[in-house]
C-alpha atoms as a PDB file:
ATOM      1  CA  MET A   1     -43.881  51.871  24.596  1.00  0.00           C
ATOM      2  CA  VAL A   2     -44.577  53.333  28.063  1.00  0.00           C
ATOM      3  CA  ILE A   3     -42.240  52.045  30.790  1.00  0.00           C
ATOM      4  CA  ALA A   4     -44.325  51.269  33.900  1.00  0.00           C
ATOM      5  CA  ALA A   5     -43.200  52.893  37.169  1.00  0.00           C
ATOM      6  CA  PRO A   6     -42.298  49.629  39.016  1.00  0.00           C
ATOM      7  CA  LEU A   7     -40.174  48.482  36.065  1.00  0.00           C
ATOM      8  CA  LEU A   8     -38.520  51.915  35.787  1.00  0.00           C
ATOM      9  CA  ILE A   9     -37.588  51.869  39.495  1.00  0.00           C
ATOM     10  CA  PHE A  10     -36.119  48.389  39.076  1.00  0.00           C
ATOM     11  CA  MET A  11     -34.205  49.580  36.005  1.00  0.00           C
ATOM     12  CA  GLY A  12     -32.882  52.468  38.098  1.00  0.00           C
ATOM     13  CA  LEU A  13     -31.623  50.089  40.792  1.00  0.00           C
ATOM     14  CA  MET A  14     -29.925  47.929  38.161  1.00  0.00           C
ATOM     15  CA  THR A  15     -28.374  51.029  36.589  1.00  0.00           C
ATOM     16  CA  LEU A  16     -27.044  52.121  39.988  1.00  0.00           C
ATOM     17  CA  LEU A  17     -25.595  48.669  40.757  1.00  0.00           C
ATOM     18  CA  THR A  18     -23.967  48.170  37.364  1.00  0.00           C
ATOM     19  CA  SER A  19     -22.479  51.685  37.443  1.00  0.00           C
ATOM     20  CA  ILE A  20     -20.902  50.841  40.804  1.00  0.00           C
ATOM     21  CA  ILE A  21     -19.381  47.705  39.256  1.00  0.00           C
ATOM     22  CA  SER A  22     -18.042  49.625  36.257  1.00  0.00           C
ATOM     23  CA  GLY A  23     -16.762  52.438  38.458  1.00  0.00           C
ATOM     24  CA  THR A  24     -14.800  49.947  40.551  1.00  0.00           C
ATOM     25  CA  ILE A  25     -13.258  47.759  37.828  1.00  0.00           C
ATOM     26  CA  GLY A  26     -13.941  49.676  34.614  1.00  0.00           C
ATOM     27  CA  MET A  27     -16.055  47.047  32.860  1.00  0.00           C
ATOM     28  CA  THR A  28     -18.833  44.424  32.934  1.00  0.00           C
ATOM     29  CA  GLY A  29     -21.512  46.727  34.353  1.00  0.00           C
ATOM     30  CA  GLY A  30     -22.629  47.701  30.858  1.00  0.00           C
ATOM     31  CA  ILE A  31     -23.003  44.153  29.611  1.00  0.00           C
ATOM     32  CA  ILE A  32     -24.949  43.135  32.754  1.00  0.00           C
ATOM     33  CA  LEU A  33     -27.281  46.099  32.273  1.00  0.00           C
ATOM     34  CA  LEU A  34     -27.704  45.292  28.583  1.00  0.00           C
ATOM     35  CA  THR A  35     -28.631  41.697  29.432  1.00  0.00           C
ATOM     36  CA  PHE A  36     -31.187  42.929  31.969  1.00  0.00           C
ATOM     37  CA  PHE A  37     -32.743  45.385  29.514  1.00  0.00           C
ATOM     38  CA  THR A  38     -33.216  42.654  26.895  1.00  0.00           C
ATOM     39  CA  LEU A  39     -35.488  40.811  29.346  1.00  0.00           C
ATOM     40  CA  PHE A  40     -37.999  43.662  29.591  1.00  0.00           C
ATOM     41  CA  LEU A  41     -37.637  46.004  26.622  1.00  0.00           C
ATOM     42  CA  PRO A  42     -38.170  45.501  22.872  1.00  0.00           C
ATOM     43  CA  TYR A  43     -34.937  45.052  20.932  1.00  0.00           C
ATOM     44  CA  GLN A  44     -35.382  48.338  19.032  1.00  0.00           C
ATOM     45  CA  MET A  45     -35.356  50.234  22.350  1.00  0.00           C
ATOM     46  CA  VAL A  46     -32.566  48.359  24.123  1.00  0.00           C
ATOM     47  CA  ILE A  47     -29.372  49.568  22.431  1.00  0.00           C
ATOM     48  CA  PRO A  48     -30.395  53.265  22.008  1.00  0.00           C
ATOM     49  CA  ILE A  49     -31.505  53.625  25.664  1.00  0.00           C
ATOM     50  CA  HIS A  50     -28.625  51.523  26.985  1.00  0.00           C
ATOM     51  CA  GLY A  51     -26.228  53.653  24.920  1.00  0.00           C
ATOM     52  CA  ILE A  52     -27.389  56.928  26.520  1.00  0.00           C
ATOM     53  CA  ILE A  53     -27.043  55.508  30.035  1.00  0.00           C
ATOM     54  CA  GLN A  54     -23.599  54.096  29.274  1.00  0.00           C
ATOM     55  CA  LEU A  55     -22.514  57.373  27.702  1.00  0.00           C
ATOM     56  CA  VAL A  56     -23.280  59.162  30.969  1.00  0.00           C
ATOM     57  CA  SER A  57     -21.877  56.358  33.133  1.00  0.00           C
ATOM     58  CA  ASN A  58     -18.574  56.269  31.259  1.00  0.00           C
ATOM     59  CA  SER A  59     -18.284  60.057  30.927  1.00  0.00           C
ATOM     60  CA  SER A  60     -18.868  60.564  34.640  1.00  0.00           C
ATOM     61  CA  ARG A  61     -16.209  57.944  35.487  1.00  0.00           C
ATOM     62  CA  GLY A  62     -13.739  59.638  33.193  1.00  0.00           C
ATOM     63  CA  LEU A  63     -14.428  63.093  34.625  1.00  0.00           C
ATOM     64  CA  LEU A  64     -14.195  61.857  38.219  1.00  0.00           C
ATOM     65  CA  LEU A  65     -10.768  60.417  37.343  1.00  0.00           C
ATOM     66  CA  TYR A  66      -9.757  63.301  35.052  1.00  0.00           C
ATOM     67  CA  SER A  67      -6.139  63.461  36.249  1.00  0.00           C
ATOM     68  CA  SER A  68      -5.623  59.763  35.398  1.00  0.00           C
ATOM     69  CA  ILE A  69      -6.652  59.943  31.711  1.00  0.00           C
ATOM     70  CA  LYS A  70      -3.993  58.834  29.202  1.00  0.00           C
ATOM     71  CA  TRP A  71      -4.685  61.437  26.542  1.00  0.00           C
ATOM     72  CA  LYS A  72      -2.594  59.915  23.733  1.00  0.00           C
ATOM     73  CA  ILE A  73      -4.510  56.638  23.932  1.00  0.00           C
ATOM     74  CA  LEU A  74      -7.809  58.540  23.917  1.00  0.00           C
ATOM     75  CA  PHE A  75      -6.677  60.667  20.949  1.00  0.00           C
ATOM     76  CA  TYR A  76      -5.715  57.695  18.784  1.00  0.00           C
ATOM     77  CA  TYR A  77      -8.862  55.788  19.757  1.00  0.00           C
ATOM     78  CA  THR A  78     -11.010  58.781  18.773  1.00  0.00           C
ATOM     79  CA  LEU A  79      -9.465  58.851  15.299  1.00  0.00           C
ATOM     80  CA  GLY A  80     -10.738  55.355  14.517  1.00  0.00           C
ATOM     81  CA  ALA A  81     -14.100  55.202  16.291  1.00  0.00           C
ATOM     82  CA  PRO A  82     -16.189  57.475  13.977  1.00  0.00           C
ATOM     83  CA  LEU A  83     -15.189  55.505  10.882  1.00  0.00           C
ATOM     84  CA  GLY A  84     -16.218  52.274  12.600  1.00  0.00           C
ATOM     85  CA  GLY A  85     -19.546  53.857  13.521  1.00  0.00           C
ATOM     86  CA  LEU A  86     -20.097  54.865   9.883  1.00  0.00           C
ATOM     87  CA  PHE A  87     -19.524  51.269   8.748  1.00  0.00           C
ATOM     88  CA  ALA A  88     -22.001  50.063  11.393  1.00  0.00           C
ATOM     89  CA  TYR A  89     -24.642  52.535  10.211  1.00  0.00           C
ATOM     90  CA  LYS A  90     -24.282  51.281   6.643  1.00  0.00           C
ATOM     91  CA  LEU A  91     -24.670  47.657   7.752  1.00  0.00           C
ATOM     92  CA  LEU A  92     -27.188  48.014  10.588  1.00  0.00           C
ATOM     93  CA  GLY A  93     -30.294  46.034   9.765  1.00  0.00           C
ATOM     94  CA  LYS A  94     -28.532  43.994   7.077  1.00  0.00           C
ATOM     95  CA  ILE A  95     -26.517  41.772   9.395  1.00  0.00           C
ATOM     96  CA  LYS A  96     -28.476  38.647  10.240  1.00  0.00           C
ATOM     97  CA  ASN A  97     -25.883  36.788  12.324  1.00  0.00           C
ATOM     98  CA  PRO A  98     -24.606  38.945  15.221  1.00  0.00           C
ATOM     99  CA  GLU A  99     -23.465  35.752  16.986  1.00  0.00           C
ATOM    100  CA  TYR A 100     -20.309  35.769  14.859  1.00  0.00           C
ATOM    101  CA  PHE A 101     -19.261  39.069  16.424  1.00  0.00           C
ATOM    102  CA  LEU A 102     -19.877  37.583  19.871  1.00  0.00           C
ATOM    103  CA  LEU A 103     -17.815  34.535  18.908  1.00  0.00           C
ATOM    104  CA  ALA A 104     -14.880  36.773  17.937  1.00  0.00           C
ATOM    105  CA  ILE A 105     -15.119  38.583  21.284  1.00  0.00           C
ATOM    106  CA  ALA A 106     -15.235  35.246  23.142  1.00  0.00           C
ATOM    107  CA  LEU A 107     -12.045  34.095  21.385  1.00  0.00           C
ATOM    108  CA  LEU A 108     -10.332  37.379  22.258  1.00  0.00           C
ATOM    109  CA  LEU A 109     -11.322  37.021  25.919  1.00  0.00           C
ATOM    110  CA  ILE A 110      -9.987  33.452  26.020  1.00  0.00           C
ATOM    111  CA  TYR A 111      -6.682  34.674  24.568  1.00  0.00           C
ATOM    112  CA  ALA A 112      -6.587  37.572  27.048  1.00  0.00           C
ATOM    113  CA  LEU A 113      -7.176  35.264  30.020  1.00  0.00           C
ATOM    114  CA  ILE A 114      -4.439  32.875  28.860  1.00  0.00           C
ATOM    115  CA  SER A 115      -2.040  35.773  28.278  1.00  0.00           C
ATOM    116  CA  ASN A 116      -2.807  37.222  31.694  1.00  0.00           C
ATOM    117  CA  LYS A 117      -2.184  33.834  33.300  1.00  0.00           C
ATOM    118  CA  ARG A 118       1.260  33.808  31.681  1.00  0.00           C
ATOM    119  CA  LYS A 119       1.881  37.428  32.732  1.00  0.00           C
ATOM    120  CA  LYS A 120       2.008  38.462  29.059  1.00  0.00           C
ATOM    121  CA  PRO A 121      -0.554  41.249  28.560  1.00  0.00           C
ATOM    122  CA  ILE A 122      -1.780  42.197  25.094  1.00  0.00           C
ATOM    123  CA  LEU A 123       0.486  45.165  24.359  1.00  0.00           C
ATOM    124  CA  ILE A 124      -0.221  47.284  21.316  1.00  0.00           C
ATOM    125  CA  PRO A 125       1.509  50.601  20.526  1.00  0.00           C
ATOM    126  CA  GLN A 126      -0.534  53.668  21.364  1.00  0.00           C
ATOM    127  CA  GLN A 127      -1.109  54.285  17.647  1.00  0.00           C
ATOM    128  CA  GLY A 128      -2.736  50.838  17.546  1.00  0.00           C
ATOM    129  CA  PHE A 129      -5.684  52.251  19.460  1.00  0.00           C
ATOM    130  CA  ILE A 130      -6.817  53.760  16.131  1.00  0.00           C
ATOM    131  CA  LEU A 131      -7.663  50.206  15.028  1.00  0.00           C
ATOM    132  CA  LEU A 132      -9.273  49.405  18.377  1.00  0.00           C
ATOM    133  CA  GLY A 133     -11.434  52.525  17.991  1.00  0.00           C
ATOM    134  CA  LEU A 134     -12.372  51.442  14.474  1.00  0.00           C
ATOM    135  CA  ALA A 135     -13.355  47.945  15.640  1.00  0.00           C
ATOM    136  CA  THR A 136     -15.262  49.137  18.706  1.00  0.00           C
ATOM    137  CA  GLY A 137     -17.005  51.944  16.839  1.00  0.00           C
ATOM    138  CA  PHE A 138     -18.255  49.293  14.425  1.00  0.00           C
ATOM    139  CA  LEU A 139     -19.281  46.722  17.048  1.00  0.00           C
ATOM    140  CA  SER A 140     -20.944  49.016  19.580  1.00  0.00           C
ATOM    141  CA  PRO A 141     -24.117  49.925  17.614  1.00  0.00           C
ATOM    142  CA  LEU A 142     -24.508  46.264  16.606  1.00  0.00           C
ATOM    143  CA  ILE A 143     -24.107  44.407  19.900  1.00  0.00           C
ATOM    144  CA  GLY A 144     -24.510  47.217  22.471  1.00  0.00           C
ATOM    145  CA  ALA A 145     -21.794  46.517  25.069  1.00  0.00           C
ATOM    146  CA  THR A 146     -18.161  46.261  23.980  1.00  0.00           C
ATOM    147  CA  GLY A 147     -16.391  46.684  27.328  1.00  0.00           C
ATOM    148  CA  PRO A 148     -15.168  43.052  27.445  1.00  0.00           C
ATOM    149  CA  PHE A 149     -13.867  43.383  23.875  1.00  0.00           C
ATOM    150  CA  MET A 150     -11.815  46.460  24.812  1.00  0.00           C
ATOM    151  CA  ALA A 151     -10.701  45.284  28.247  1.00  0.00           C
ATOM    152  CA  PRO A 152      -7.748  43.037  27.273  1.00  0.00           C
ATOM    153  CA  PHE A 153      -6.030  45.953  25.520  1.00  0.00           C
ATOM    154  CA  PHE A 154      -6.165  48.102  28.668  1.00  0.00           C
ATOM    155  CA  LEU A 155      -4.909  45.535  31.183  1.00  0.00           C
ATOM    156  CA  ARG A 156      -1.311  46.658  30.680  1.00  0.00           C
ATOM    157  CA  ASN A 157       1.588  46.817  33.109  1.00  0.00           C
ATOM    158  CA  ASP A 158       2.269  50.445  32.152  1.00  0.00           C
ATOM    159  CA  LEU A 159      -1.204  51.598  33.279  1.00  0.00           C
ATOM    160  CA  LYS A 160      -2.311  51.990  36.884  1.00  0.00           C
ATOM    161  CA  ARG A 161      -5.821  50.973  37.924  1.00  0.00           C
ATOM    162  CA  GLN A 162      -7.154  54.552  37.857  1.00  0.00           C
ATOM    163  CA  GLU A 163      -5.616  55.094  34.409  1.00  0.00           C
ATOM    164  CA  ILE A 164      -7.222  51.900  33.106  1.00  0.00           C
ATOM    165  CA  VAL A 165     -10.686  52.849  34.373  1.00  0.00           C
ATOM    166  CA  ALA A 166     -10.478  56.544  33.352  1.00  0.00           C
ATOM    167  CA  THR A 167      -9.058  56.083  29.858  1.00  0.00           C
ATOM    168  CA  LYS A 168     -11.214  53.090  28.964  1.00  0.00           C
ATOM    169  CA  ALA A 169     -14.300  54.939  30.219  1.00  0.00           C
ATOM    170  CA  LEU A 170     -13.738  57.954  27.966  1.00  0.00           C
ATOM    171  CA  CYS A 171     -12.914  55.730  24.998  1.00  0.00           C
ATOM    172  CA  GLN A 172     -16.220  53.941  25.530  1.00  0.00           C
ATOM    173  CA  SER A 173     -17.955  57.322  25.856  1.00  0.00           C
ATOM    174  CA  ILE A 174     -16.878  58.121  22.307  1.00  0.00           C
ATOM    175  CA  THR A 175     -18.480  54.982  20.881  1.00  0.00           C
ATOM    176  CA  HIS A 176     -21.670  55.437  22.928  1.00  0.00           C
ATOM    177  CA  ALA A 177     -21.926  59.065  21.759  1.00  0.00           C
ATOM    178  CA  LEU A 178     -21.643  57.917  18.152  1.00  0.00           C
ATOM    179  CA  LYS A 179     -24.787  55.807  18.613  1.00  0.00           C
ATOM    180  CA  ILE A 180     -26.957  58.893  19.104  1.00  0.00           C
ATOM    181  CA  PRO A 181     -26.776  60.261  15.506  1.00  0.00           C
ATOM    182  CA  ILE A 182     -26.878  56.687  14.171  1.00  0.00           C
ATOM    183  CA  PHE A 183     -30.167  55.861  15.911  1.00  0.00           C
ATOM    184  CA  LEU A 184     -31.614  59.322  15.260  1.00  0.00           C
ATOM    185  CA  ALA A 185     -30.958  58.684  11.576  1.00  0.00           C
ATOM    186  CA  LEU A 186     -32.794  55.369  12.014  1.00  0.00           C
ATOM    187  CA  ASP A 187     -35.811  57.297  13.447  1.00  0.00           C
ATOM    188  CA  PHE A 188     -35.491  56.389  17.114  1.00  0.00           C
ATOM    189  CA  SER A 189     -37.072  59.148  19.244  1.00  0.00           C
ATOM    190  CA  TYR A 190     -35.036  59.747  22.402  1.00  0.00           C
ATOM    191  CA  TRP A 191     -37.380  62.601  23.328  1.00  0.00           C
ATOM    192  CA  ASP A 192     -40.239  60.141  23.917  1.00  0.00           C
ATOM    193  CA  TYR A 193     -38.281  58.730  26.872  1.00  0.00           C
ATOM    194  CA  LYS A 194     -36.801  61.973  28.235  1.00  0.00           C
ATOM    195  CA  TRP A 195     -38.030  61.565  31.841  1.00  0.00           C
ATOM    196  CA  GLU A 196     -37.142  57.881  32.013  1.00  0.00           C
ATOM    197  CA  LEU A 197     -33.680  58.684  30.692  1.00  0.00           C
ATOM    198  CA  PHE A 198     -33.261  61.541  33.176  1.00  0.00           C
ATOM    199  CA  PHE A 199     -34.040  59.206  36.095  1.00  0.00           C
ATOM    200  CA  LEU A 200     -31.713  56.463  34.815  1.00  0.00           C
ATOM    201  CA  ILE A 201     -28.929  58.985  34.139  1.00  0.00           C
ATOM    202  CA  CYS A 202     -29.113  60.210  37.763  1.00  0.00           C
ATOM    203  CA  CYS A 203     -28.827  56.598  38.968  1.00  0.00           C
ATOM    204  CA  SER A 204     -25.862  56.081  36.656  1.00  0.00           C
ATOM    205  CA  ILE A 205     -23.950  59.126  37.955  1.00  0.00           C
ATOM    206  CA  ALA A 206     -24.576  58.114  41.577  1.00  0.00           C
ATOM    207  CA  GLY A 207     -23.267  54.614  40.839  1.00  0.00           C
ATOM    208  CA  SER A 208     -20.127  56.002  39.204  1.00  0.00           C
ATOM    209  CA  LYS A 209     -19.326  58.122  42.264  1.00  0.00           C
ATOM    210  CA  ILE A 210     -19.716  55.140  44.612  1.00  0.00           C
ATOM    211  CA  GLY A 211     -17.652  52.901  42.315  1.00  0.00           C
ATOM    212  CA  ILE A 212     -14.799  55.427  42.049  1.00  0.00           C
ATOM    213  CA  HIS A 213     -14.760  55.731  45.841  1.00  0.00           C
ATOM    214  CA  ILE A 214     -14.309  51.939  46.087  1.00  0.00           C
ATOM    215  CA  LEU A 215     -11.635  52.003  43.354  1.00  0.00           C
ATOM    216  CA  HIS A 216      -9.475  54.370  45.409  1.00  0.00           C
ATOM    217  CA  LYS A 217      -9.748  52.086  48.440  1.00  0.00           C
ATOM    218  CA  ILE A 218      -8.631  48.794  46.862  1.00  0.00           C
ATOM    219  CA  SER A 219      -5.039  47.800  46.061  1.00  0.00           C
ATOM    220  CA  GLU A 220      -3.494  47.557  42.584  1.00  0.00           C
ATOM    221  CA  ASN A 221      -3.083  43.779  42.921  1.00  0.00           C
ATOM    222  CA  PHE A 222      -6.676  43.254  44.081  1.00  0.00           C
ATOM    223  CA  PHE A 223      -7.954  45.448  41.237  1.00  0.00           C
ATOM    224  CA  ARG A 224      -6.149  43.327  38.635  1.00  0.00           C
ATOM    225  CA  LYS A 225      -7.525  40.132  40.172  1.00  0.00           C
ATOM    226  CA  LEU A 226     -11.032  41.591  40.088  1.00  0.00           C
ATOM    227  CA  PHE A 227     -10.513  42.759  36.501  1.00  0.00           C
ATOM    228  CA  THR A 228      -9.459  39.251  35.435  1.00  0.00           C
ATOM    229  CA  LEU A 229     -12.366  37.658  37.330  1.00  0.00           C
ATOM    230  CA  PHE A 230     -14.895  39.858  35.570  1.00  0.00           C
ATOM    231  CA  LEU A 231     -13.239  39.155  32.224  1.00  0.00           C
ATOM    232  CA  PHE A 232     -13.881  35.480  32.940  1.00  0.00           C
ATOM    233  CA  LEU A 233     -17.504  36.172  33.959  1.00  0.00           C
ATOM    234  CA  ALA A 234     -18.018  38.209  30.784  1.00  0.00           C
ATOM    235  CA  LEU A 235     -16.662  35.275  28.764  1.00  0.00           C
ATOM    236  CA  ILE A 236     -19.121  32.886  30.463  1.00  0.00           C
ATOM    237  CA  ARG A 237     -21.989  35.239  29.717  1.00  0.00           C
ATOM    238  CA  ILE A 238     -21.012  35.569  26.039  1.00  0.00           C
ATOM    239  CA  LEU A 239     -20.589  31.798  25.643  1.00  0.00           C
ATOM    240  CA  TYR A 240     -24.036  31.295  27.192  1.00  0.00           C
ATOM    241  CA  LYS A 241     -25.534  33.875  24.815  1.00  0.00           C
ATOM    242  CA  LEU A 242     -23.829  32.175  21.870  1.00  0.00           C
ATOM    243  CA  SER A 243     -25.181  28.784  22.889  1.00  0.00           C
ATOM    244  CA  THR A 244     -28.761  30.110  23.020  1.00  0.00           C
ATOM    245  CA  LEU A 245     -28.350  31.846  19.638  1.00  0.00           C
ATOM    246  CA  PHE A 246     -26.976  28.777  17.888  1.00  0.00           C
ATOM    247  CA  LEU A 247     -29.507  26.414  19.481  1.00  0.00           C
ATOM    248  CA  SER A 248     -32.397  28.627  18.453  1.00  0.00           C
ATOM    249  CA  SER A 249     -31.192  28.969  14.850  1.00  0.00           C
END
C-alpha cells in the first residue's frame, strides 16, 4: 500500500502531537497514535509501523532523560520481555479474541485509579519487573500499545517524574524493538516504507524534545495529576474499544 502525501503529512502531525504528550507525561501518546492509524491503515500495517515510531519516540525520551533512568528496574524488565515476545510470536495469528486482553488492562487501570485515590500506589519489588516485562513483551505485538498497562506500576512514591518518564520509556523501547524480528519473521517488509518511516521518525524525535522541555517546567504534583488524568482517559478509550468489539461480535 502506498501512503498518499496528504495522509502522510497528517500522520506526521499526529506523530508529533502524540510524542509531545508522551514526552510530558510518559504515556497515552502511543495509544492515541495507534487509534488514529487504525482509521487509515490496514491492520497488517498498523502495529509494525506504529512499533517503529514508538521505538524511536520512547528511545529518544529515555536518552534525553538519561541521568534519570533507574537501571535496576530496566535490567529486570529486560530479562522478562524477550520471553514474552517469544510467546506472542508463537500465538500471533491464532488468537481470535484480543478483547480479553483489553478487558484485563481495563480492570488493572480501574484498580490503579482506585489505589491512587487512596494514596496506595501499586508497589512491586524491583525484581517484579521481570514479570511485568514478560507480560508486556507478550501483549505488545498483539495489541500494539501497552503504555496504560505498564503505567500503574511506575506511578510510585519512590520515583520522581523524570525517573518515571525515562525508565518507562526505555522499558517500552525494549518491547517495541522486539516487534521488529517478530514481524520480519511474519514477512512484513519495513523497507517498503523506508521514506515514510524516516519522516515519521523525525516527527517523533521533535515531539519528544518538546515534551521533555514541558516536563521540566511542570511541578511534581501537577505531573502526577496529569498522569492520573491520562490513565482515566486511557481507561475510557479501552472501554469504548471493548464495547465496539463485543457489540460487533
